[in-house]
C-alpha atoms as a PDB file:
ATOM      1  CA  MET A   1      79.393  93.624  73.002  1.00  0.00           C
ATOM      2  CA  ASP A   2      81.719  92.256  75.669  1.00  0.00           C
ATOM      3  CA  ILE A   3      81.596  89.254  77.983  1.00  0.00           C
ATOM      4  CA  ARG A   4      80.508  91.333  80.979  1.00  0.00           C
ATOM      5  CA  GLN A   5      77.453  92.620  79.118  1.00  0.00           C
ATOM      6  CA  LEU A   6      76.639  89.086  78.052  1.00  0.00           C
ATOM      7  CA  ARG A   7      76.868  87.761  81.618  1.00  0.00           C
ATOM      8  CA  TYR A   8      74.598  90.535  82.863  1.00  0.00           C
ATOM      9  CA  PHE A   9      72.066  89.854  80.101  1.00  0.00           C
ATOM     10  CA  ILE A  10      71.970  86.106  80.847  1.00  0.00           C
ATOM     11  CA  ALA A  11      71.566  86.733  84.585  1.00  0.00           C
ATOM     12  CA  ILE A  12      68.549  88.978  83.959  1.00  0.00           C
ATOM     13  CA  ALA A  13      67.039  86.472  81.528  1.00  0.00           C
ATOM     14  CA  ASN A  14      67.416  83.660  84.072  1.00  0.00           C
ATOM     15  CA  ALA A  15      66.038  85.689  86.987  1.00  0.00           C
ATOM     16  CA  LYS A  16      63.376  87.525  84.938  1.00  0.00           C
ATOM     17  CA  SER A  17      64.119  90.445  87.216  1.00  0.00           C
ATOM     18  CA  TYR A  18      66.662  93.264  87.224  1.00  0.00           C
ATOM     19  CA  SER A  19      66.689  93.529  91.012  1.00  0.00           C
ATOM     20  CA  ILE A  20      67.246  89.805  91.612  1.00  0.00           C
ATOM     21  CA  ALA A  21      69.950  89.682  88.935  1.00  0.00           C
ATOM     22  CA  ALA A  22      71.667  92.735  90.421  1.00  0.00           C
ATOM     23  CA  LYS A  23      71.874  91.036  93.818  1.00  0.00           C
ATOM     24  CA  SER A  24      73.293  87.843  92.334  1.00  0.00           C
ATOM     25  CA  LEU A  25      75.916  89.818  90.393  1.00  0.00           C
ATOM     26  CA  PHE A  26      76.760  92.122  93.332  1.00  0.00           C
ATOM     27  CA  VAL A  27      76.127  95.260  91.261  1.00  0.00           C
ATOM     28  CA  THR A  28      73.575  98.039  91.568  1.00  0.00           C
ATOM     29  CA  GLN A  29      70.354  97.895  89.600  1.00  0.00           C
ATOM     30  CA  PRO A  30      71.128 101.193  87.773  1.00  0.00           C
ATOM     31  CA  THR A  31      74.435  99.698  86.644  1.00  0.00           C
ATOM     32  CA  LEU A  32      72.610  96.682  85.278  1.00  0.00           C
ATOM     33  CA  THR A  33      69.991  98.829  83.547  1.00  0.00           C
ATOM     34  CA  TRP A  34      72.630 101.046  81.931  1.00  0.00           C
ATOM     35  CA  THR A  35      74.609  98.000  80.748  1.00  0.00           C
ATOM     36  CA  ILE A  36      71.585  96.431  79.038  1.00  0.00           C
ATOM     37  CA  GLN A  37      70.614  99.737  77.441  1.00  0.00           C
ATOM     38  CA  LYS A  38      74.148 100.038  76.077  1.00  0.00           C
ATOM     39  CA  LEU A  39      74.002  96.448  74.782  1.00  0.00           C
ATOM     40  CA  GLU A  40      70.664  97.088  73.064  1.00  0.00           C
ATOM     41  CA  THR A  41      72.085 100.243  71.475  1.00  0.00           C
ATOM     42  CA  ASP A  42      75.161  98.369  70.229  1.00  0.00           C
ATOM     43  CA  LEU A  43      73.003  95.600  68.753  1.00  0.00           C
ATOM     44  CA  ASN A  44      70.303  98.000  67.534  1.00  0.00           C
ATOM     45  CA  THR A  45      67.536  95.823  68.946  1.00  0.00           C
ATOM     46  CA  LYS A  46      65.310  95.333  71.983  1.00  0.00           C
ATOM     47  CA  LEU A  47      66.184  92.329  74.108  1.00  0.00           C
ATOM     48  CA  PHE A  48      63.348  92.374  76.663  1.00  0.00           C
ATOM     49  CA  TYR A  49      59.621  93.049  76.783  1.00  0.00           C
ATOM     50  CA  HIS A  50      58.782  94.863  80.019  1.00  0.00           C
ATOM     51  CA  SER A  51      55.460  94.548  81.879  1.00  0.00           C
ATOM     52  CA  GLU A  52      54.412  95.490  85.401  1.00  0.00           C
ATOM     53  CA  ARG A  53      55.182  92.097  86.889  1.00  0.00           C
ATOM     54  CA  VAL A  54      57.700  90.328  84.698  1.00  0.00           C
ATOM     55  CA  ILE A  55      60.158  90.749  81.840  1.00  0.00           C
ATOM     56  CA  GLU A  56      60.307  88.439  78.831  1.00  0.00           C
ATOM     57  CA  LEU A  57      62.818  87.951  76.058  1.00  0.00           C
ATOM     58  CA  THR A  58      62.116  89.314  72.603  1.00  0.00           C
ATOM     59  CA  GLU A  59      62.840  87.091  69.608  1.00  0.00           C
ATOM     60  CA  ASN A  60      66.300  88.598  69.252  1.00  0.00           C
ATOM     61  CA  GLY A  61      66.701  88.317  73.011  1.00  0.00           C
ATOM     62  CA  LYS A  62      65.992  84.577  72.816  1.00  0.00           C
ATOM     63  CA  LEU A  63      68.549  84.249  70.021  1.00  0.00           C
ATOM     64  CA  LEU A  64      71.204  86.098  72.024  1.00  0.00           C
ATOM     65  CA  TYR A  65      70.366  84.039  75.116  1.00  0.00           C
ATOM     66  CA  GLU A  66      70.885  80.694  73.361  1.00  0.00           C
ATOM     67  CA  TYR A  67      74.116  81.698  71.658  1.00  0.00           C
ATOM     68  CA  GLY A  68      75.302  83.697  74.678  1.00  0.00           C
ATOM     69  CA  LYS A  69      75.041  80.759  77.089  1.00  0.00           C
ATOM     70  CA  ASN A  70      77.387  78.736  74.880  1.00  0.00           C
ATOM     71  CA  ILE A  71      79.825  81.636  74.516  1.00  0.00           C
ATOM     72  CA  VAL A  72      80.011  82.222  78.280  1.00  0.00           C
ATOM     73  CA  LYS A  73      80.437  78.490  78.941  1.00  0.00           C
ATOM     74  CA  GLU A  74      83.280  78.229  76.423  1.00  0.00           C
ATOM     75  CA  ILE A  75      85.055  81.245  77.932  1.00  0.00           C
ATOM     76  CA  ASP A  76      84.640  79.840  81.454  1.00  0.00           C
ATOM     77  CA  ASP A  77      85.941  76.448  80.309  1.00  0.00           C
ATOM     78  CA  LEU A  78      88.922  78.084  78.594  1.00  0.00           C
ATOM     79  CA  THR A  79      89.696  80.124  81.708  1.00  0.00           C
ATOM     80  CA  ARG A  80      89.678  76.989  83.867  1.00  0.00           C
ATOM     81  CA  VAL A  81      92.026  75.199  81.448  1.00  0.00           C
ATOM     82  CA  ILE A  82      94.481  78.094  81.362  1.00  0.00           C
ATOM     83  CA  ARG A  83      94.461  78.479  85.143  1.00  0.00           C
ATOM     84  CA  GLY A  84      94.893  74.749  85.495  1.00  0.00           C
ATOM     85  CA  ASN A  85      97.906  74.874  83.204  1.00  0.00           C
ATOM     86  CA  GLU A  86      99.440  77.619  85.331  1.00  0.00           C
ATOM     87  CA  ASN A  87      99.047  75.519  88.447  1.00  0.00           C
ATOM     88  CA  THR A  88     100.806  72.559  86.811  1.00  0.00           C
ATOM     89  CA  VAL A  89     103.809  74.534  85.555  1.00  0.00           C
ATOM     90  CA  ASN A  90     107.024  73.000  86.862  1.00  0.00           C
ATOM     91  CA  GLY A  91     110.402  74.611  87.259  1.00  0.00           C
ATOM     92  CA  LYS A  92     112.785  76.551  89.437  1.00  0.00           C
ATOM     93  CA  LEU A  93     113.020  80.262  89.986  1.00  0.00           C
ATOM     94  CA  LYS A  94     115.655  82.363  91.757  1.00  0.00           C
ATOM     95  CA  VAL A  95     114.712  85.951  92.529  1.00  0.00           C
ATOM     96  CA  GLY A  96     116.617  88.708  94.323  1.00  0.00           C
ATOM     97  CA  LEU A  97     114.903  91.496  96.239  1.00  0.00           C
ATOM     98  CA  THR A  98     115.705  94.020  98.954  1.00  0.00           C
ATOM     99  CA  VAL A  99     114.260  94.266 102.466  1.00  0.00           C
ATOM    100  CA  LEU A 100     111.969  97.096 101.337  1.00  0.00           C
ATOM    101  CA  PHE A 101     110.613  95.097  98.416  1.00  0.00           C
ATOM    102  CA  SER A 102     110.162  92.072 100.674  1.00  0.00           C
ATOM    103  CA  ILE A 103     107.862  94.226 102.801  1.00  0.00           C
ATOM    104  CA  LEU A 104     106.006  95.790  99.860  1.00  0.00           C
ATOM    105  CA  TYR A 105     105.569  92.661  97.749  1.00  0.00           C
ATOM    106  CA  MET A 106     105.596  89.712 100.152  1.00  0.00           C
ATOM    107  CA  GLN A 107     101.802  89.346 100.033  1.00  0.00           C
ATOM    108  CA  SER A 108     101.916  88.844  96.268  1.00  0.00           C
ATOM    109  CA  ILE A 109     104.931  86.545  96.547  1.00  0.00           C
ATOM    110  CA  ALA A 110     103.234  84.450  99.241  1.00  0.00           C
ATOM    111  CA  GLU A 111     100.118  84.115  97.068  1.00  0.00           C
ATOM    112  CA  PHE A 112     102.305  83.118  94.114  1.00  0.00           C
ATOM    113  CA  ILE A 113     104.041  80.426  96.168  1.00  0.00           C
ATOM    114  CA  SER A 114     100.770  79.006  97.511  1.00  0.00           C
ATOM    115  CA  SER A 115      99.111  78.903  94.078  1.00  0.00           C
ATOM    116  CA  HIS A 116     102.124  77.465  92.216  1.00  0.00           C
ATOM    117  CA  SER A 117     103.259  74.617  94.429  1.00  0.00           C
ATOM    118  CA  ASN A 118     105.062  72.911  91.528  1.00  0.00           C
ATOM    119  CA  ILE A 119     107.449  75.840  91.127  1.00  0.00           C
ATOM    120  CA  GLU A 120     110.490  75.812  93.405  1.00  0.00           C
ATOM    121  CA  ILE A 121     111.248  79.458  94.220  1.00  0.00           C
ATOM    122  CA  THR A 122     114.332  80.732  96.018  1.00  0.00           C
ATOM    123  CA  LEU A 123     114.326  84.310  97.313  1.00  0.00           C
ATOM    124  CA  ILE A 124     117.657  86.043  97.908  1.00  0.00           C
ATOM    125  CA  GLN A 125     117.628  89.241  99.959  1.00  0.00           C
ATOM    126  CA  LYS A 126     120.437  91.683  99.155  1.00  0.00           C
ATOM    127  CA  GLY A 127     120.960  95.298  98.180  1.00  0.00           C
ATOM    128  CA  SER A 128     119.806  96.301  94.691  1.00  0.00           C
ATOM    129  CA  LYS A 129     123.338  96.851  93.361  1.00  0.00           C
ATOM    130  CA  ARG A 130     124.384  93.391  94.529  1.00  0.00           C
ATOM    131  CA  ILE A 131     121.207  91.832  93.116  1.00  0.00           C
ATOM    132  CA  GLN A 132     121.925  93.406  89.726  1.00  0.00           C
ATOM    133  CA  GLU A 133     125.385  91.863  89.842  1.00  0.00           C
ATOM    134  CA  MET A 134     123.934  88.425  90.648  1.00  0.00           C
ATOM    135  CA  VAL A 135     121.383  88.606  87.817  1.00  0.00           C
ATOM    136  CA  SER A 136     124.116  89.780  85.453  1.00  0.00           C
ATOM    137  CA  SER A 137     126.339  86.827  86.347  1.00  0.00           C
ATOM    138  CA  GLY A 138     123.546  84.255  86.095  1.00  0.00           C
ATOM    139  CA  GLU A 139     123.258  83.546  89.823  1.00  0.00           C
ATOM    140  CA  LEU A 140     119.673  84.828  89.775  1.00  0.00           C
ATOM    141  CA  ASP A 141     116.918  84.657  87.156  1.00  0.00           C
ATOM    142  CA  LEU A 142     115.226  87.931  88.092  1.00  0.00           C
ATOM    143  CA  GLY A 143     115.881  90.892  90.340  1.00  0.00           C
ATOM    144  CA  LEU A 144     113.357  93.275  91.847  1.00  0.00           C
ATOM    145  CA  VAL A 145     115.669  96.251  92.131  1.00  0.00           C
ATOM    146  CA  SER A 146     116.106  99.993  92.394  1.00  0.00           C
ATOM    147  CA  PHE A 147     117.377 101.960  89.399  1.00  0.00           C
ATOM    148  CA  PRO A 148     119.684 102.964  87.778  1.00  0.00           C
ATOM    149  CA  ILE A 149     120.890  99.770  86.104  1.00  0.00           C
ATOM    150  CA  TYR A 150     124.646  99.356  86.400  1.00  0.00           C
ATOM    151  CA  TYR A 151     125.230  96.351  84.100  1.00  0.00           C
ATOM    152  CA  ASP A 152     125.068  96.514  80.310  1.00  0.00           C
ATOM    153  CA  ASN A 153     123.725  92.972  79.910  1.00  0.00           C
ATOM    154  CA  LEU A 154     120.593  93.704  81.968  1.00  0.00           C
ATOM    155  CA  GLU A 155     117.239  95.077  80.875  1.00  0.00           C
ATOM    156  CA  VAL A 156     113.958  95.888  82.536  1.00  0.00           C
ATOM    157  CA  GLU A 157     111.534  92.971  82.179  1.00  0.00           C
ATOM    158  CA  PRO A 158     109.575  94.107  79.105  1.00  0.00           C
ATOM    159  CA  PHE A 159     106.200  92.486  79.805  1.00  0.00           C
ATOM    160  CA  ILE A 160     105.391  94.325  83.028  1.00  0.00           C
ATOM    161  CA  THR A 161     103.972  97.802  83.457  1.00  0.00           C
ATOM    162  CA  PRO A 162     106.451 100.066  85.318  1.00  0.00           C
ATOM    163  CA  LEU A 163     106.256  99.645  89.071  1.00  0.00           C
ATOM    164  CA  PRO A 164     105.660 102.662  91.321  1.00  0.00           C
ATOM    165  CA  PRO A 165     108.811 104.325  92.710  1.00  0.00           C
ATOM    166  CA  TYR A 166     109.621 104.669  96.382  1.00  0.00           C
ATOM    167  CA  ASN A 167     110.386 107.900  98.234  1.00  0.00           C
ATOM    168  CA  VAL A 168     113.546 108.870 100.089  1.00  0.00           C
ATOM    169  CA  SER A 169     113.746 110.781 103.364  1.00  0.00           C
ATOM    170  CA  VAL A 170     116.534 112.248 105.459  1.00  0.00           C
ATOM    171  CA  VAL A 171     116.503 110.712 108.943  1.00  0.00           C
ATOM    172  CA  VAL A 172     118.049 112.646 111.836  1.00  0.00           C
ATOM    173  CA  SER A 173     118.173 112.365 115.601  1.00  0.00           C
ATOM    174  CA  LYS A 174     115.387 114.256 117.366  1.00  0.00           C
ATOM    175  CA  ASP A 175     118.147 116.328 119.038  1.00  0.00           C
ATOM    176  CA  ASN A 176     119.718 117.327 115.731  1.00  0.00           C
ATOM    177  CA  PRO A 177     119.113 121.011 114.843  1.00  0.00           C
ATOM    178  CA  LEU A 178     117.876 119.819 111.440  1.00  0.00           C
ATOM    179  CA  ALA A 179     114.983 118.018 113.144  1.00  0.00           C
ATOM    180  CA  SER A 180     112.953 121.243 113.081  1.00  0.00           C
ATOM    181  CA  ARG A 181     113.071 121.383 109.276  1.00  0.00           C
ATOM    182  CA  LYS A 182     110.139 120.228 107.144  1.00  0.00           C
ATOM    183  CA  SER A 183     112.360 119.477 104.174  1.00  0.00           C
ATOM    184  CA  LEU A 184     116.082 119.297 103.375  1.00  0.00           C
ATOM    185  CA  LYS A 185     118.274 119.522 100.307  1.00  0.00           C
ATOM    186  CA  ILE A 186     121.510 117.618  99.800  1.00  0.00           C
ATOM    187  CA  LYS A 187     123.531 120.831 100.252  1.00  0.00           C
ATOM    188  CA  ASP A 188     121.985 121.219 103.721  1.00  0.00           C
ATOM    189  CA  LEU A 189     123.765 118.018 104.790  1.00  0.00           C
ATOM    190  CA  LYS A 190     127.298 119.164 104.033  1.00  0.00           C
ATOM    191  CA  GLU A 191     128.390 119.531 107.672  1.00  0.00           C
ATOM    192  CA  GLU A 192     126.665 116.376 108.901  1.00  0.00           C
ATOM    193  CA  ALA A 193     128.115 112.981 109.769  1.00  0.00           C
ATOM    194  CA  PHE A 194     126.544 110.212 107.674  1.00  0.00           C
ATOM    195  CA  SER A 195     125.472 106.698 108.560  1.00  0.00           C
ATOM    196  CA  VAL A 196     124.740 105.044 105.223  1.00  0.00           C
ATOM    197  CA  LEU A 197     123.648 101.864 103.543  1.00  0.00           C
ATOM    198  CA  SER A 198     126.565  99.975 102.017  1.00  0.00           C
ATOM    199  CA  THR A 199     127.360 100.337  98.329  1.00  0.00           C
ATOM    200  CA  ASP A 200     125.605  97.006  97.722  1.00  0.00           C
ATOM    201  CA  PHE A 201     122.519  99.233  97.755  1.00  0.00           C
ATOM    202  CA  ILE A 202     121.588 101.755  95.067  1.00  0.00           C
ATOM    203  CA  LEU A 203     120.863 104.391  97.696  1.00  0.00           C
ATOM    204  CA  GLY A 204     124.277 103.761  99.229  1.00  0.00           C
ATOM    205  CA  ASN A 205     125.828 104.722  95.877  1.00  0.00           C
ATOM    206  CA  LEU A 206     123.513 107.630  95.108  1.00  0.00           C
ATOM    207  CA  ILE A 207     124.405 109.403  98.360  1.00  0.00           C
ATOM    208  CA  PHE A 208     128.048 109.633  97.314  1.00  0.00           C
ATOM    209  CA  ASP A 209     127.167 110.568  93.731  1.00  0.00           C
ATOM    210  CA  ARG A 210     124.788 113.378  94.696  1.00  0.00           C
ATOM    211  CA  CYS A 211     127.001 114.855  97.406  1.00  0.00           C
ATOM    212  CA  ASN A 212     129.899 114.989  94.946  1.00  0.00           C
ATOM    213  CA  GLU A 213     127.665 116.629  92.335  1.00  0.00           C
ATOM    214  CA  VAL A 214     126.633 119.271  94.858  1.00  0.00           C
ATOM    215  CA  GLY A 215     130.288 119.884  95.736  1.00  0.00           C
ATOM    216  CA  PHE A 216     131.292 117.987  98.865  1.00  0.00           C
ATOM    217  CA  GLU A 217     132.443 114.570 100.020  1.00  0.00           C
ATOM    218  CA  PRO A 218     130.071 113.086 102.613  1.00  0.00           C
ATOM    219  CA  HIS A 219     131.644 112.453 106.007  1.00  0.00           C
ATOM    220  CA  VAL A 220     130.675 108.795 106.504  1.00  0.00           C
ATOM    221  CA  ILE A 221     131.190 107.470 110.022  1.00  0.00           C
ATOM    222  CA  PHE A 222     129.223 104.253 109.694  1.00  0.00           C
ATOM    223  CA  SER A 223     128.025 101.907 106.961  1.00  0.00           C
ATOM    224  CA  ASN A 224     125.731  98.909 107.282  1.00  0.00           C
ATOM    225  CA  GLU A 225     123.310  96.733 105.305  1.00  0.00           C
ATOM    226  CA  ASN A 226     120.614  96.795 107.990  1.00  0.00           C
ATOM    227  CA  TRP A 227     118.375  99.871 108.013  1.00  0.00           C
ATOM    228  CA  GLU A 228     117.323  99.250 111.627  1.00  0.00           C
ATOM    229  CA  VAL A 229     120.969  99.289 112.696  1.00  0.00           C
ATOM    230  CA  LEU A 230     121.416 102.548 110.799  1.00  0.00           C
ATOM    231  CA  LEU A 231     118.511 104.129 112.667  1.00  0.00           C
ATOM    232  CA  GLU A 232     119.984 103.054 115.985  1.00  0.00           C
ATOM    233  CA  ASN A 233     123.320 104.563 115.027  1.00  0.00           C
ATOM    234  CA  VAL A 234     121.648 107.825 113.937  1.00  0.00           C
ATOM    235  CA  ALA A 235     119.939 108.091 117.321  1.00  0.00           C
ATOM    236  CA  ILE A 236     123.113 107.354 119.300  1.00  0.00           C
ATOM    237  CA  THR A 237     125.740 109.271 117.308  1.00  0.00           C
ATOM    238  CA  ASN A 238     123.572 112.193 116.136  1.00  0.00           C
ATOM    239  CA  SER A 239     124.504 111.347 112.554  1.00  0.00           C
ATOM    240  CA  ILE A 240     122.077 111.373 109.623  1.00  0.00           C
ATOM    241  CA  THR A 241     121.027 108.854 107.002  1.00  0.00           C
ATOM    242  CA  LEU A 242     118.958 108.607 103.845  1.00  0.00           C
ATOM    243  CA  LEU A 243     116.399 105.796 103.747  1.00  0.00           C
ATOM    244  CA  PRO A 244     113.219 104.827 101.900  1.00  0.00           C
ATOM    245  CA  THR A 245     110.358 106.799 103.432  1.00  0.00           C
ATOM    246  CA  GLU A 246     108.241 103.644 103.439  1.00  0.00           C
ATOM    247  CA  PHE A 247     110.367 102.307 106.327  1.00  0.00           C
ATOM    248  CA  SER A 248     108.990 105.069 108.559  1.00  0.00           C
ATOM    249  CA  ASN A 249     105.692 103.182 108.763  1.00  0.00           C
ATOM    250  CA  THR A 250     107.526 100.109 110.040  1.00  0.00           C
ATOM    251  CA  ALA A 251     110.010 101.828 112.351  1.00  0.00           C
ATOM    252  CA  ALA A 252     107.955 103.507 115.060  1.00  0.00           C
ATOM    253  CA  ARG A 253     110.850 105.267 116.781  1.00  0.00           C
ATOM    254  CA  LYS A 254     110.460 108.467 118.769  1.00  0.00           C
ATOM    255  CA  ASP A 255     114.170 109.255 118.901  1.00  0.00           C
ATOM    256  CA  VAL A 256     114.522 110.035 115.174  1.00  0.00           C
ATOM    257  CA  LYS A 257     112.789 112.383 112.737  1.00  0.00           C
ATOM    258  CA  TRP A 258     111.956 111.594 109.103  1.00  0.00           C
ATOM    259  CA  ILE A 259     112.283 114.686 106.900  1.00  0.00           C
ATOM    260  CA  GLN A 260     111.297 115.133 103.263  1.00  0.00           C
ATOM    261  CA  LEU A 261     114.245 115.209 100.863  1.00  0.00           C
ATOM    262  CA  GLU A 262     114.072 117.874  98.138  1.00  0.00           C
ATOM    263  CA  ASP A 263     116.335 116.450  95.486  1.00  0.00           C
ATOM    264  CA  LYS A 264     116.269 114.531  92.220  1.00  0.00           C
ATOM    265  CA  ILE A 265     116.892 111.314  94.163  1.00  0.00           C
ATOM    266  CA  ASN A 266     113.869 111.835  96.427  1.00  0.00           C
ATOM    267  CA  GLN A 267     112.058 109.235  94.326  1.00  0.00           C
ATOM    268  CA  ILE A 268     113.766 106.105  93.071  1.00  0.00           C
ATOM    269  CA  ASP A 269     112.325 104.004  90.262  1.00  0.00           C
ATOM    270  CA  ILE A 270     112.142 100.239  90.624  1.00  0.00           C
ATOM    271  CA  GLY A 271     111.494  97.294  88.354  1.00  0.00           C
ATOM    272  CA  LEU A 272     112.151  93.672  87.518  1.00  0.00           C
ATOM    273  CA  VAL A 273     115.388  93.108  85.621  1.00  0.00           C
ATOM    274  CA  LYS A 274     116.572  90.163  83.544  1.00  0.00           C
ATOM    275  CA  ARG A 275     119.478  89.387  81.261  1.00  0.00           C
ATOM    276  CA  LYS A 276     119.171  90.821  77.751  1.00  0.00           C
ATOM    277  CA  LYS A 277     118.222  88.531  74.866  1.00  0.00           C
ATOM    278  CA  GLU A 278     117.349  85.745  77.302  1.00  0.00           C
ATOM    279  CA  LYS A 279     113.806  84.412  76.988  1.00  0.00           C
ATOM    280  CA  LEU A 280     112.011  84.095  80.304  1.00  0.00           C
ATOM    281  CA  SER A 281     110.715  80.684  81.333  1.00  0.00           C
ATOM    282  CA  GLN A 282     107.048  80.169  82.212  1.00  0.00           C
ATOM    283  CA  PRO A 283     107.785  80.296  85.997  1.00  0.00           C
ATOM    284  CA  ASN A 284     109.532  83.637  85.484  1.00  0.00           C
ATOM    285  CA  LEU A 285     106.632  85.049  83.494  1.00  0.00           C
ATOM    286  CA  LEU A 286     104.109  83.912  86.104  1.00  0.00           C
ATOM    287  CA  PHE A 287     106.152  85.543  88.865  1.00  0.00           C
ATOM    288  CA  CYS A 288     106.264  88.818  86.931  1.00  0.00           C
ATOM    289  CA  GLN A 289     102.486  88.668  86.582  1.00  0.00           C
ATOM    290  CA  ALA A 290     102.140  88.207  90.365  1.00  0.00           C
ATOM    291  CA  ILE A 291     104.255  91.310  91.020  1.00  0.00           C
ATOM    292  CA  LYS A 292     102.216  93.234  88.471  1.00  0.00           C
ATOM    293  CA  GLN A 293      98.994  92.317  90.275  1.00  0.00           C
ATOM    294  CA  ARG A 294     100.399  93.761  93.547  1.00  0.00           C
ATOM    295  CA  ASN A 295      99.998  97.224  92.023  1.00  0.00           C
ATOM    296  CA  GLY A 296      96.486  96.685  90.708  1.00  0.00           C
ATOM    297  CA  LEU A 297      97.884  96.818  87.185  1.00  0.00           C
ATOM    298  CA  SER A 298      96.126  93.687  86.003  1.00  0.00           C
ATOM    299  CA  LYS A 299      93.077  93.519  88.247  1.00  0.00           C
ATOM    300  CA  LYS A 300      89.840  92.753  86.459  1.00  0.00           C
END
């Protein structure tokens, strides 16, 4: 027996009707019927007498109803206390995140800020490599960053389910001969001029690493921290760049083409990082929970 079954049972007992209870609970009547049948099977007893016009509680049903009301009330009271404690948590929190993660997670962050007014949060927007450095040195409490991790004293926040990775695309000018391709490999870019994110970004480092692994040094003609500036430069200079595919939904440009990258860096893992052996404060833990909820990982 779980709390959901108990709530459903009490709603039916109060309404003396499956259909009325279903409407009040915003569930279908078959769902309600199946839940009560499962509860009766688990308890090995009948909970209701059914007639043409009304349903009544059996003796065991009355017993469950009386005890169940107290159980549900205690759980509701406990939930209110815990949520109230969260809202009264005080403290400061410094978090680093990239432009991409600002876009992907700002809704959750905004909800966290509005529901935890006693927590003073500072958001620092940098590249993932730079954010890792700032967490490592103690300038930041947490970093929402791309992997790999470059600092030995950092670890992935252990209380959060892994976050979904982001995809990487090759972006070329619409006039570039590569624009007709549906996908590209790193070796296909050997003769191209590159406009790249700076090495403060993980992707800015991975481009050099992968090109060298494939056997060539990328010809970089421009480097910048702003992805919109990079796109403008790609369009003007007929260079290429590698960027998170998710930006393509934000950048509605007709002068560039986003092409699927076929390579081991075409998906980049992300996560929250902290310093090793350092216990997170309550504000930090609450922030991690807010990011977790963004991905539906803790929805009830």
